[in-house]
Amino acid sequence: MPANRLASTLLCGVLGSSFPLLCLASESSYLNTELLPKSYTAPDSEMVALSNGVVLEGSNLNSIDSYTSGFRLTAGFSPEHFPQVDIGAEIAYRESEEVFTTSSVAPLVQDTLALGGALVAGLRMGAFSVYAKSGLTEWRGENELEGSESGTAMLQGFGATMTVKRLVSRLEYERIDAPTLSHLTQLNASIHLPF
């Protein structure tokens, strides 16, 4: 194990498809099958670790109502003297089509694009891990009545993961502080049993 332990996590899912690089990386002779997921990684994603400590992860980023899709890219590391701490940065792109929003008095149907970046920090404590993120999102919205509008908004979120044997449970909340992007506020709860 190298003296400077650096692990990078790449989290990406594009419009419901897995990250194409995972297919290329899975054929590499430099693969390490022992993966230590970061506190903020999704348990249902595909992960591949290279022998140099880089971890590639692919996951989908879609809303339940299927109006919103996009991708998320995350890179992180664990400091050498604090291996339970995860520090990272995240970039997320979301595209929503024909979403109902409230503007002024009347509800509108609007298409939105959002590109955001956030700092992510997590703490792994055995089977339990927590994380938080904070950043900014640049957005643009278009509708037939008022034309287009844009702005910058705060992005905040937190989550927790609990692993008991092979059962992984996860709770995650993410909010973008803009009335036009209220449809992107997410509360996710999931239970995963890999077999």
N, C-alpha and C. Protein backbone atom coordinates (compact mmCIF):
# COMPACT_ATOMS: atom_id res chain seq x y z
N MET A 1 0.86 -1.18 0.00
CA MET A 1 0.00 0.00 0.00
C MET A 1 0.90 1.23 0.00
N PRO A 2 0.72 2.17 -0.90
CA PRO A 2 1.58 3.34 -0.97
C PRO A 2 1.46 4.22 0.28
N ALA A 3 2.53 4.98 0.53
CA ALA A 3 2.57 5.85 1.71
C ALA A 3 1.47 6.91 1.64
N ASN A 4 1.32 7.51 0.52
CA ASN A 4 0.25 8.51 0.36
C ASN A 4 -0.98 7.82 -0.23
N ARG A 5 -1.95 7.57 0.61
CA ARG A 5 -3.15 6.86 0.17
C ARG A 5 -4.13 7.86 -0.41
N LEU A 6 -4.35 7.74 -1.69
CA LEU A 6 -5.28 8.64 -2.37
C LEU A 6 -6.24 7.79 -3.18
N ALA A 7 -7.51 7.94 -2.92
CA ALA A 7 -8.52 7.20 -3.68
C ALA A 7 -9.45 8.21 -4.32
N SER A 8 -9.66 8.06 -5.58
CA SER A 8 -10.58 8.95 -6.31
C SER A 8 -11.83 8.18 -6.67
N THR A 9 -12.94 8.84 -6.57
CA THR A 9 -14.20 8.21 -6.91
C THR A 9 -14.83 8.97 -8.06
N LEU A 10 -15.19 8.25 -9.06
CA LEU A 10 -15.84 8.86 -10.21
C LEU A 10 -17.25 8.30 -10.30
N LEU A 11 -18.22 9.19 -10.13
CA LEU A 11 -19.61 8.75 -10.13
C LEU A 11 -20.29 9.39 -11.33
N CYS A 12 -20.75 8.55 -12.23
CA CYS A 12 -21.34 9.11 -13.43
C CYS A 12 -22.40 8.18 -14.00
N GLY A 13 -23.52 8.73 -14.34
CA GLY A 13 -24.54 7.98 -15.07
C GLY A 13 -25.16 8.95 -16.05
N VAL A 14 -25.25 8.57 -17.29
CA VAL A 14 -25.75 9.49 -18.30
C VAL A 14 -27.05 8.95 -18.88
N LEU A 15 -28.14 9.66 -18.60
CA LEU A 15 -29.45 9.35 -19.16
C LEU A 15 -29.79 7.86 -19.08
N GLY A 16 -29.56 7.28 -17.93
CA GLY A 16 -29.95 5.90 -17.70
C GLY A 16 -28.95 4.87 -18.18
N SER A 17 -27.80 5.28 -18.70
CA SER A 17 -26.81 4.30 -19.14
C SER A 17 -25.61 4.35 -18.23
N SER A 18 -24.91 3.24 -18.14
CA SER A 18 -23.72 3.18 -17.30
C SER A 18 -22.59 3.92 -17.99
N PHE A 19 -21.64 4.32 -17.20
CA PHE A 19 -20.49 5.05 -17.70
C PHE A 19 -19.68 4.15 -18.63
N PRO A 20 -19.46 4.52 -19.91
CA PRO A 20 -18.78 3.63 -20.86
C PRO A 20 -17.37 3.25 -20.44
N LEU A 21 -16.71 4.08 -19.66
CA LEU A 21 -15.35 3.79 -19.25
C LEU A 21 -15.28 2.56 -18.36
N LEU A 22 -16.37 2.21 -17.69
CA LEU A 22 -16.38 1.03 -16.84
C LEU A 22 -16.14 -0.23 -17.67
N CYS A 23 -16.65 -0.27 -18.87
CA CYS A 23 -16.44 -1.43 -19.73
C CYS A 23 -14.97 -1.55 -20.11
N LEU A 24 -14.33 -0.42 -20.40
CA LEU A 24 -12.92 -0.45 -20.74
C LEU A 24 -12.07 -0.80 -19.53
N ALA A 25 -12.40 -0.23 -18.37
CA ALA A 25 -11.60 -0.47 -17.18
C ALA A 25 -11.73 -1.89 -16.67
N SER A 26 -12.85 -2.56 -16.92
CA SER A 26 -13.04 -3.91 -16.41
C SER A 26 -12.13 -4.91 -17.11
N GLU A 27 -11.60 -4.57 -18.30
CA GLU A 27 -10.71 -5.45 -19.01
C GLU A 27 -9.24 -5.16 -18.69
N SER A 28 -8.98 -4.17 -17.87
CA SER A 28 -7.62 -3.77 -17.55
C SER A 28 -6.94 -4.79 -16.64
N SER A 29 -5.64 -4.97 -16.82
CA SER A 29 -4.89 -5.88 -15.96
C SER A 29 -4.48 -5.21 -14.66
N TYR A 30 -4.80 -3.94 -14.48
CA TYR A 30 -4.43 -3.20 -13.28
C TYR A 30 -5.56 -3.14 -12.27
N LEU A 31 -6.55 -3.99 -12.36
CA LEU A 31 -7.71 -3.90 -11.50
C LEU A 31 -7.44 -4.46 -10.12
N ASN A 32 -8.03 -3.83 -9.12
CA ASN A 32 -8.00 -4.30 -7.74
C ASN A 32 -9.44 -4.57 -7.35
N THR A 33 -9.75 -5.80 -6.95
CA THR A 33 -11.14 -6.16 -6.68
C THR A 33 -11.59 -5.79 -5.28
N GLU A 34 -10.69 -5.41 -4.38
CA GLU A 34 -11.09 -5.02 -3.03
C GLU A 34 -11.43 -3.54 -3.02
N LEU A 35 -12.73 -3.23 -2.93
CA LEU A 35 -13.19 -1.86 -3.01
C LEU A 35 -13.62 -1.36 -1.66
N LEU A 36 -13.20 -0.17 -1.33
CA LEU A 36 -13.67 0.50 -0.12
C LEU A 36 -14.47 1.72 -0.56
N PRO A 37 -15.79 1.59 -0.65
CA PRO A 37 -16.59 2.72 -1.14
C PRO A 37 -16.53 3.90 -0.17
N LYS A 38 -16.60 5.08 -0.72
CA LYS A 38 -16.64 6.29 0.09
C LYS A 38 -18.00 6.43 0.74
N SER A 39 -18.09 7.26 1.75
CA SER A 39 -19.34 7.41 2.49
C SER A 39 -20.45 8.00 1.64
N TYR A 40 -20.11 8.72 0.57
CA TYR A 40 -21.12 9.37 -0.25
C TYR A 40 -21.40 8.64 -1.56
N THR A 41 -20.86 7.43 -1.76
CA THR A 41 -21.12 6.70 -3.00
C THR A 41 -22.43 5.92 -2.91
N ALA A 42 -23.07 5.74 -4.03
CA ALA A 42 -24.35 5.03 -4.08
C ALA A 42 -24.11 3.53 -4.04
N PRO A 43 -24.85 2.79 -3.21
CA PRO A 43 -24.61 1.36 -3.08
C PRO A 43 -25.03 0.54 -4.30
N ASP A 44 -25.91 1.07 -5.15
CA ASP A 44 -26.36 0.32 -6.31
C ASP A 44 -25.55 0.62 -7.57
N SER A 45 -24.45 1.34 -7.43
CA SER A 45 -23.65 1.69 -8.59
C SER A 45 -22.59 0.62 -8.84
N GLU A 46 -22.02 0.67 -10.03
CA GLU A 46 -20.95 -0.25 -10.38
C GLU A 46 -19.63 0.42 -10.06
N MET A 47 -18.73 -0.35 -9.41
CA MET A 47 -17.44 0.21 -9.03
C MET A 47 -16.31 -0.68 -9.54
N VAL A 48 -15.22 -0.03 -9.95
CA VAL A 48 -14.01 -0.70 -10.37
C VAL A 48 -12.86 0.07 -9.76
N ALA A 49 -11.91 -0.63 -9.15
CA ALA A 49 -10.75 0.04 -8.57
C ALA A 49 -9.50 -0.37 -9.33
N LEU A 50 -8.70 0.60 -9.69
CA LEU A 50 -7.42 0.34 -10.33
C LEU A 50 -6.36 0.16 -9.25
N SER A 51 -5.25 -0.47 -9.59
CA SER A 51 -4.22 -0.75 -8.59
C SER A 51 -3.57 0.52 -8.05
N ASN A 52 -3.68 1.65 -8.73
CA ASN A 52 -3.10 2.90 -8.24
C ASN A 52 -4.00 3.63 -7.25
N GLY A 53 -5.14 3.02 -6.86
CA GLY A 53 -6.03 3.62 -5.87
C GLY A 53 -7.21 4.37 -6.45
N VAL A 54 -7.27 4.52 -7.75
CA VAL A 54 -8.39 5.22 -8.38
C VAL A 54 -9.61 4.30 -8.41
N VAL A 55 -10.76 4.83 -8.00
CA VAL A 55 -12.01 4.07 -8.02
C VAL A 55 -12.94 4.72 -9.03
N LEU A 56 -13.45 3.94 -9.98
CA LEU A 56 -14.41 4.42 -10.96
C LEU A 56 -15.78 3.89 -10.58
N GLU A 57 -16.76 4.75 -10.59
CA GLU A 57 -18.11 4.35 -10.19
C GLU A 57 -19.12 4.94 -11.16
N GLY A 58 -20.09 4.14 -11.58
CA GLY A 58 -21.14 4.60 -12.47
C GLY A 58 -22.50 4.40 -11.86
N SER A 59 -23.37 5.40 -11.98
CA SER A 59 -24.71 5.32 -11.40
C SER A 59 -25.64 6.21 -12.19
N ASN A 60 -26.92 5.88 -12.21
CA ASN A 60 -27.92 6.69 -12.91
C ASN A 60 -28.33 7.89 -12.07
N LEU A 61 -28.73 8.97 -12.73
CA LEU A 61 -29.26 10.15 -12.06
C LEU A 61 -30.56 10.51 -12.75
N ASN A 62 -31.66 9.91 -12.29
CA ASN A 62 -32.99 10.14 -12.87
C ASN A 62 -34.00 10.38 -11.76
N SER A 63 -35.02 11.16 -12.06
CA SER A 63 -36.10 11.35 -11.08
C SER A 63 -37.13 10.24 -11.25
N ILE A 64 -37.93 10.04 -10.22
CA ILE A 64 -38.95 8.99 -10.26
C ILE A 64 -39.98 9.26 -11.34
N ASP A 65 -40.36 10.53 -11.52
CA ASP A 65 -41.37 10.87 -12.53
C ASP A 65 -40.82 10.90 -13.95
N SER A 66 -39.55 10.62 -14.12
CA SER A 66 -38.84 10.55 -15.41
C SER A 66 -38.82 11.88 -16.18
N TYR A 67 -39.11 13.00 -15.52
CA TYR A 67 -38.99 14.31 -16.17
C TYR A 67 -37.56 14.82 -16.14
N THR A 68 -36.76 14.32 -15.20
CA THR A 68 -35.41 14.82 -15.00
C THR A 68 -34.40 13.69 -15.19
N SER A 69 -33.33 13.99 -15.92
CA SER A 69 -32.24 13.05 -16.08
C SER A 69 -30.94 13.83 -16.14
N GLY A 70 -29.83 13.15 -16.05
CA GLY A 70 -28.54 13.82 -16.10
C GLY A 70 -27.43 12.92 -15.62
N PHE A 71 -26.35 13.53 -15.17
CA PHE A 71 -25.23 12.75 -14.68
C PHE A 71 -24.57 13.45 -13.50
N ARG A 72 -23.78 12.70 -12.76
CA ARG A 72 -23.06 13.22 -11.61
C ARG A 72 -21.63 12.68 -11.66
N LEU A 73 -20.66 13.53 -11.42
CA LEU A 73 -19.25 13.19 -11.42
C LEU A 73 -18.69 13.55 -10.06
N THR A 74 -18.09 12.58 -9.35
CA THR A 74 -17.55 12.84 -8.03
C THR A 74 -16.13 12.34 -7.94
N ALA A 75 -15.22 13.15 -7.40
CA ALA A 75 -13.84 12.74 -7.16
C ALA A 75 -13.53 12.99 -5.70
N GLY A 76 -12.92 12.02 -5.03
CA GLY A 76 -12.65 12.18 -3.61
C GLY A 76 -11.44 11.40 -3.16
N PHE A 77 -11.03 11.64 -1.93
CA PHE A 77 -9.90 10.93 -1.35
C PHE A 77 -10.07 10.83 0.15
N SER A 78 -9.27 9.97 0.76
CA SER A 78 -9.22 9.83 2.22
C SER A 78 -7.83 10.25 2.67
N PRO A 79 -7.71 11.22 3.57
CA PRO A 79 -6.39 11.64 4.04
C PRO A 79 -5.63 10.47 4.67
N GLU A 80 -4.31 10.48 4.53
CA GLU A 80 -3.46 9.39 4.99
C GLU A 80 -3.64 9.09 6.48
N HIS A 81 -3.70 10.11 7.32
CA HIS A 81 -3.78 9.91 8.77
C HIS A 81 -5.21 9.78 9.27
N PHE A 82 -6.20 9.99 8.41
CA PHE A 82 -7.62 9.87 8.78
C PHE A 82 -8.35 9.04 7.73
N PRO A 83 -8.12 7.72 7.68
CA PRO A 83 -8.71 6.91 6.61
C PRO A 83 -10.24 6.79 6.69
N GLN A 84 -10.86 7.15 7.82
CA GLN A 84 -12.32 7.09 7.92
C GLN A 84 -12.99 8.33 7.34
N VAL A 85 -12.23 9.37 7.07
CA VAL A 85 -12.76 10.63 6.55
C VAL A 85 -12.68 10.62 5.02
N ASP A 86 -13.75 11.01 4.37
CA ASP A 86 -13.79 11.12 2.91
C ASP A 86 -14.03 12.58 2.55
N ILE A 87 -13.21 13.10 1.65
CA ILE A 87 -13.34 14.48 1.19
C ILE A 87 -13.41 14.45 -0.33
N GLY A 88 -14.34 15.20 -0.91
CA GLY A 88 -14.46 15.16 -2.36
C GLY A 88 -15.13 16.38 -2.94
N ALA A 89 -15.26 16.36 -4.24
CA ALA A 89 -15.94 17.41 -4.99
C ALA A 89 -16.88 16.73 -5.98
N GLU A 90 -18.01 17.38 -6.24
CA GLU A 90 -19.04 16.79 -7.08
C GLU A 90 -19.49 17.80 -8.13
N ILE A 91 -19.68 17.33 -9.34
CA ILE A 91 -20.28 18.13 -10.41
C ILE A 91 -21.50 17.37 -10.90
N ALA A 92 -22.65 18.04 -10.99
CA ALA A 92 -23.88 17.38 -11.42
C ALA A 92 -24.57 18.21 -12.50
N TYR A 93 -25.06 17.53 -13.52
CA TYR A 93 -25.82 18.15 -14.61
C TYR A 93 -27.20 17.51 -14.62
N ARG A 94 -28.24 18.34 -14.62
CA ARG A 94 -29.62 17.84 -14.66
C ARG A 94 -30.40 18.59 -15.72
N GLU A 95 -31.21 17.86 -16.46
CA GLU A 95 -32.08 18.44 -17.48
C GLU A 95 -33.50 17.98 -17.21
N SER A 96 -34.42 18.94 -17.09
CA SER A 96 -35.83 18.63 -16.83
C SER A 96 -36.68 19.17 -17.96
N GLU A 97 -37.64 18.37 -18.40
CA GLU A 97 -38.52 18.79 -19.49
C GLU A 97 -39.96 18.81 -19.03
N GLU A 98 -40.66 19.89 -19.35
CA GLU A 98 -42.09 20.05 -19.08
C GLU A 98 -42.44 19.80 -17.62
N VAL A 99 -41.76 20.53 -16.74
CA VAL A 99 -42.00 20.42 -15.30
C VAL A 99 -42.89 21.58 -14.88
N PHE A 100 -43.87 21.32 -14.03
CA PHE A 100 -44.74 22.37 -13.51
C PHE A 100 -44.01 23.14 -12.42
N THR A 101 -43.93 24.47 -12.57
CA THR A 101 -43.33 25.34 -11.56
C THR A 101 -44.31 26.48 -11.27
N THR A 102 -44.09 27.13 -10.14
CA THR A 102 -44.92 28.27 -9.77
C THR A 102 -44.10 29.54 -9.93
N SER A 103 -44.61 30.47 -10.69
CA SER A 103 -43.95 31.74 -10.90
C SER A 103 -45.00 32.84 -10.81
N SER A 104 -44.74 33.85 -10.02
CA SER A 104 -45.68 34.95 -9.79
C SER A 104 -47.02 34.41 -9.30
N VAL A 105 -48.01 34.34 -10.17
CA VAL A 105 -49.36 33.94 -9.76
C VAL A 105 -49.76 32.57 -10.32
N ALA A 106 -49.46 32.33 -11.58
CA ALA A 106 -49.96 31.13 -12.26
C ALA A 106 -48.88 30.05 -12.35
N PRO A 107 -49.28 28.78 -12.32
CA PRO A 107 -48.31 27.71 -12.55
C PRO A 107 -47.89 27.68 -14.02
N LEU A 108 -46.64 27.30 -14.26
CA LEU A 108 -46.10 27.28 -15.61
C LEU A 108 -45.52 25.90 -15.91
N VAL A 109 -45.46 25.55 -17.18
CA VAL A 109 -44.73 24.38 -17.63
C VAL A 109 -43.39 24.89 -18.14
N GLN A 110 -42.29 24.35 -17.59
CA GLN A 110 -40.99 24.91 -17.87
C GLN A 110 -39.97 23.81 -18.12
N ASP A 111 -39.01 24.08 -19.00
CA ASP A 111 -37.85 23.22 -19.22
C ASP A 111 -36.68 23.86 -18.49
N THR A 112 -35.90 23.07 -17.74
CA THR A 112 -34.77 23.63 -16.99
C THR A 112 -33.51 22.82 -17.23
N LEU A 113 -32.39 23.53 -17.19
CA LEU A 113 -31.06 22.93 -17.20
C LEU A 113 -30.35 23.42 -15.95
N ALA A 114 -29.64 22.54 -15.26
CA ALA A 114 -28.90 22.94 -14.06
C ALA A 114 -27.54 22.26 -14.06
N LEU A 115 -26.50 23.04 -13.79
CA LEU A 115 -25.14 22.53 -13.66
C LEU A 115 -24.62 23.02 -12.32
N GLY A 116 -24.27 22.09 -11.45
CA GLY A 116 -23.86 22.47 -10.10
C GLY A 116 -22.58 21.81 -9.68
N GLY A 117 -21.93 22.42 -8.71
CA GLY A 117 -20.72 21.88 -8.11
C GLY A 117 -20.83 21.97 -6.60
N ALA A 118 -20.30 20.97 -5.91
CA ALA A 118 -20.39 20.96 -4.44
C ALA A 118 -19.16 20.30 -3.85
N LEU A 119 -18.82 20.72 -2.64
CA LEU A 119 -17.82 20.03 -1.84
C LEU A 119 -18.54 18.99 -1.00
N VAL A 120 -17.96 17.80 -0.89
CA VAL A 120 -18.57 16.69 -0.18
C VAL A 120 -17.60 16.20 0.89
N ALA A 121 -18.11 15.97 2.09
CA ALA A 121 -17.29 15.41 3.18
C ALA A 121 -18.09 14.32 3.88
N GLY A 122 -17.42 13.23 4.19
CA GLY A 122 -18.10 12.12 4.84
C GLY A 122 -17.24 11.50 5.92
N LEU A 123 -17.89 10.72 6.77
CA LEU A 123 -17.22 10.04 7.88
C LEU A 123 -17.74 8.61 7.94
N ARG A 124 -16.83 7.63 7.83
CA ARG A 124 -17.19 6.22 7.93
C ARG A 124 -16.89 5.73 9.34
N MET A 125 -17.90 5.15 9.99
CA MET A 125 -17.76 4.65 11.36
C MET A 125 -18.22 3.19 11.39
N GLY A 126 -17.39 2.31 10.90
CA GLY A 126 -17.76 0.90 10.83
C GLY A 126 -18.86 0.69 9.81
N ALA A 127 -19.98 0.14 10.25
CA ALA A 127 -21.10 -0.15 9.35
C ALA A 127 -21.94 1.08 9.05
N PHE A 128 -21.70 2.18 9.73
CA PHE A 128 -22.49 3.40 9.59
C PHE A 128 -21.62 4.51 9.00
N SER A 129 -22.16 5.27 8.05
CA SER A 129 -21.43 6.41 7.50
C SER A 129 -22.39 7.56 7.25
N VAL A 130 -21.89 8.77 7.39
CA VAL A 130 -22.66 9.98 7.15
C VAL A 130 -21.86 10.89 6.23
N TYR A 131 -22.55 11.76 5.50
CA TYR A 131 -21.88 12.73 4.65
C TYR A 131 -22.75 13.96 4.48
N ALA A 132 -22.12 15.05 4.07
CA ALA A 132 -22.82 16.30 3.78
C ALA A 132 -22.17 16.96 2.58
N LYS A 133 -22.95 17.76 1.86
CA LYS A 133 -22.41 18.48 0.72
C LYS A 133 -23.00 19.88 0.66
N SER A 134 -22.22 20.79 0.09
CA SER A 134 -22.66 22.16 -0.05
C SER A 134 -21.98 22.75 -1.28
N GLY A 135 -22.74 23.51 -2.08
CA GLY A 135 -22.17 24.09 -3.27
C GLY A 135 -23.12 25.05 -3.96
N LEU A 136 -22.88 25.29 -5.24
CA LEU A 136 -23.68 26.21 -6.04
C LEU A 136 -24.18 25.52 -7.30
N THR A 137 -25.34 25.96 -7.78
CA THR A 137 -25.92 25.45 -9.02
C THR A 137 -26.27 26.62 -9.92
N GLU A 138 -25.80 26.58 -11.13
CA GLU A 138 -26.16 27.56 -12.15
C GLU A 138 -27.30 26.94 -12.95
N TRP A 139 -28.38 27.69 -13.16
CA TRP A 139 -29.54 27.11 -13.83
C TRP A 139 -30.11 28.06 -14.87
N ARG A 140 -30.84 27.47 -15.82
CA ARG A 140 -31.52 28.23 -16.86
C ARG A 140 -32.87 27.57 -17.11
N GLY A 141 -33.92 28.36 -17.17
CA GLY A 141 -35.26 27.82 -17.41
C GLY A 141 -35.94 28.55 -18.55
N GLU A 142 -36.75 27.83 -19.31
CA GLU A 142 -37.49 28.42 -20.42
C GLU A 142 -38.94 27.98 -20.36
N ASN A 143 -39.85 28.96 -20.57
CA ASN A 143 -41.28 28.63 -20.67
C ASN A 143 -41.90 29.54 -21.72
N GLU A 144 -43.08 29.18 -22.19
CA GLU A 144 -43.73 29.93 -23.27
C GLU A 144 -44.27 31.27 -22.82
N LEU A 145 -44.69 31.38 -21.57
CA LEU A 145 -45.34 32.60 -21.09
C LEU A 145 -44.35 33.71 -20.77
N GLU A 146 -43.32 33.40 -19.98
CA GLU A 146 -42.38 34.43 -19.52
C GLU A 146 -41.04 34.41 -20.24
N GLY A 147 -40.82 33.49 -21.17
CA GLY A 147 -39.54 33.41 -21.86
C GLY A 147 -38.53 32.64 -21.04
N SER A 148 -37.29 33.13 -21.03
CA SER A 148 -36.25 32.41 -20.30
C SER A 148 -35.79 33.22 -19.09
N GLU A 149 -35.33 32.50 -18.09
CA GLU A 149 -34.75 33.11 -16.89
C GLU A 149 -33.62 32.21 -16.43
N SER A 150 -32.71 32.79 -15.64
CA SER A 150 -31.56 32.02 -15.16
C SER A 150 -31.11 32.57 -13.83
N GLY A 151 -30.21 31.85 -13.19
CA GLY A 151 -29.70 32.30 -11.91
C GLY A 151 -28.74 31.30 -11.30
N THR A 152 -28.28 31.63 -10.10
CA THR A 152 -27.39 30.78 -9.32
C THR A 152 -28.04 30.53 -7.98
N ALA A 153 -27.98 29.30 -7.51
CA ALA A 153 -28.63 28.94 -6.25
C ALA A 153 -27.72 28.03 -5.43
N MET A 154 -27.95 28.05 -4.11
CA MET A 154 -27.20 27.17 -3.20
C MET A 154 -27.70 25.73 -3.33
N LEU A 155 -26.77 24.80 -3.25
CA LEU A 155 -27.09 23.37 -3.24
C LEU A 155 -26.60 22.81 -1.90
N GLN A 156 -27.46 22.11 -1.19
CA GLN A 156 -27.09 21.52 0.10
C GLN A 156 -27.67 20.13 0.18
N GLY A 157 -26.99 19.26 0.91
CA GLY A 157 -27.51 17.91 1.07
C GLY A 157 -26.77 17.16 2.16
N PHE A 158 -27.37 16.06 2.59
CA PHE A 158 -26.73 15.18 3.57
C PHE A 158 -27.30 13.79 3.40
N GLY A 159 -26.61 12.81 3.96
CA GLY A 159 -27.08 11.44 3.84
C GLY A 159 -26.41 10.54 4.84
N ALA A 160 -26.93 9.34 4.96
CA ALA A 160 -26.39 8.32 5.86
C ALA A 160 -26.57 6.95 5.22
N THR A 161 -25.63 6.07 5.50
CA THR A 161 -25.68 4.70 5.01
C THR A 161 -25.40 3.76 6.17
N MET A 162 -26.16 2.68 6.24
CA MET A 162 -25.98 1.66 7.28
C MET A 162 -25.87 0.31 6.59
N THR A 163 -24.82 -0.44 6.89
CA THR A 163 -24.61 -1.76 6.30
C THR A 163 -24.64 -2.81 7.39
N VAL A 164 -25.55 -3.77 7.27
CA VAL A 164 -25.65 -4.89 8.19
C VAL A 164 -25.48 -6.15 7.36
N LYS A 165 -24.38 -6.85 7.58
CA LYS A 165 -23.99 -8.00 6.74
C LYS A 165 -23.96 -7.53 5.29
N ARG A 166 -24.83 -8.03 4.42
CA ARG A 166 -24.83 -7.58 3.02
C ARG A 166 -25.95 -6.60 2.73
N LEU A 167 -26.80 -6.31 3.67
CA LEU A 167 -27.93 -5.41 3.49
C LEU A 167 -27.47 -3.96 3.68
N VAL A 168 -27.64 -3.14 2.65
CA VAL A 168 -27.21 -1.74 2.68
C VAL A 168 -28.45 -0.86 2.65
N SER A 169 -28.65 -0.05 3.68
CA SER A 169 -29.76 0.91 3.70
C SER A 169 -29.18 2.32 3.61
N ARG A 170 -29.89 3.19 2.90
CA ARG A 170 -29.38 4.54 2.64
C ARG A 170 -30.51 5.54 2.69
N LEU A 171 -30.23 6.70 3.27
CA LEU A 171 -31.16 7.83 3.31
C LEU A 171 -30.40 9.06 2.85
N GLU A 172 -30.98 9.81 1.90
CA GLU A 172 -30.27 10.95 1.32
C GLU A 172 -31.26 12.08 1.06
N TYR A 173 -30.85 13.32 1.35
CA TYR A 173 -31.66 14.51 1.09
C TYR A 173 -30.79 15.52 0.36
N GLU A 174 -31.34 16.11 -0.71
CA GLU A 174 -30.61 17.13 -1.47
C GLU A 174 -31.59 18.22 -1.88
N ARG A 175 -31.17 19.47 -1.70
CA ARG A 175 -32.06 20.61 -1.98
C ARG A 175 -31.29 21.70 -2.70
N ILE A 176 -31.92 22.26 -3.74
CA ILE A 176 -31.39 23.42 -4.44
C ILE A 176 -32.28 24.59 -4.07
N ASP A 177 -31.69 25.66 -3.54
CA ASP A 177 -32.44 26.77 -2.97
C ASP A 177 -32.89 27.77 -4.04
N ALA A 178 -33.81 27.34 -4.91
CA ALA A 178 -34.41 28.21 -5.92
C ALA A 178 -35.83 27.72 -6.18
N PRO A 179 -36.83 28.62 -6.12
CA PRO A 179 -38.21 28.18 -6.34
C PRO A 179 -38.43 27.50 -7.69
N THR A 180 -37.73 27.94 -8.71
CA THR A 180 -37.87 27.36 -10.04
C THR A 180 -37.35 25.92 -10.08
N LEU A 181 -36.40 25.59 -9.19
CA LEU A 181 -35.80 24.26 -9.18
C LEU A 181 -36.32 23.40 -8.04
N SER A 182 -37.49 23.73 -7.50
CA SER A 182 -38.02 22.94 -6.38
C SER A 182 -38.28 21.49 -6.77
N HIS A 183 -38.49 21.22 -8.06
CA HIS A 183 -38.70 19.84 -8.51
C HIS A 183 -37.43 19.00 -8.40
N LEU A 184 -36.26 19.63 -8.20
CA LEU A 184 -35.01 18.89 -8.05
C LEU A 184 -34.70 18.54 -6.60
N THR A 185 -35.51 19.02 -5.65
CA THR A 185 -35.34 18.62 -4.25
C THR A 185 -35.64 17.13 -4.15
N GLN A 186 -34.71 16.39 -3.55
CA GLN A 186 -34.85 14.94 -3.50
C GLN A 186 -34.72 14.42 -2.08
N LEU A 187 -35.56 13.46 -1.74
CA LEU A 187 -35.43 12.67 -0.52
C LEU A 187 -35.48 11.22 -0.96
N ASN A 188 -34.35 10.54 -0.84
CA ASN A 188 -34.25 9.15 -1.30
C ASN A 188 -34.01 8.23 -0.12
N ALA A 189 -34.74 7.16 -0.05
CA ALA A 189 -34.51 6.09 0.92
C ALA A 189 -34.45 4.79 0.13
N SER A 190 -33.44 3.98 0.41
CA SER A 190 -33.31 2.74 -0.35
C SER A 190 -32.71 1.65 0.51
N ILE A 191 -33.02 0.43 0.13
CA ILE A 191 -32.44 -0.76 0.76
C ILE A 191 -31.91 -1.63 -0.38
N HIS A 192 -30.66 -2.06 -0.25
CA HIS A 192 -30.02 -2.86 -1.29
C HIS A 192 -29.53 -4.16 -0.69
N LEU A 193 -29.79 -5.26 -1.39
CA LEU A 193 -29.29 -6.57 -0.98
C LEU A 193 -28.60 -7.19 -2.19
N PRO A 194 -27.27 -7.00 -2.29
CA PRO A 194 -26.56 -7.57 -3.44
C PRO A 194 -26.48 -9.09 -3.33
N PHE A 195 -26.62 -9.77 -4.46
CA PHE A 195 -26.47 -11.22 -4.47
C PHE A 195 -25.83 -11.67 -5.75
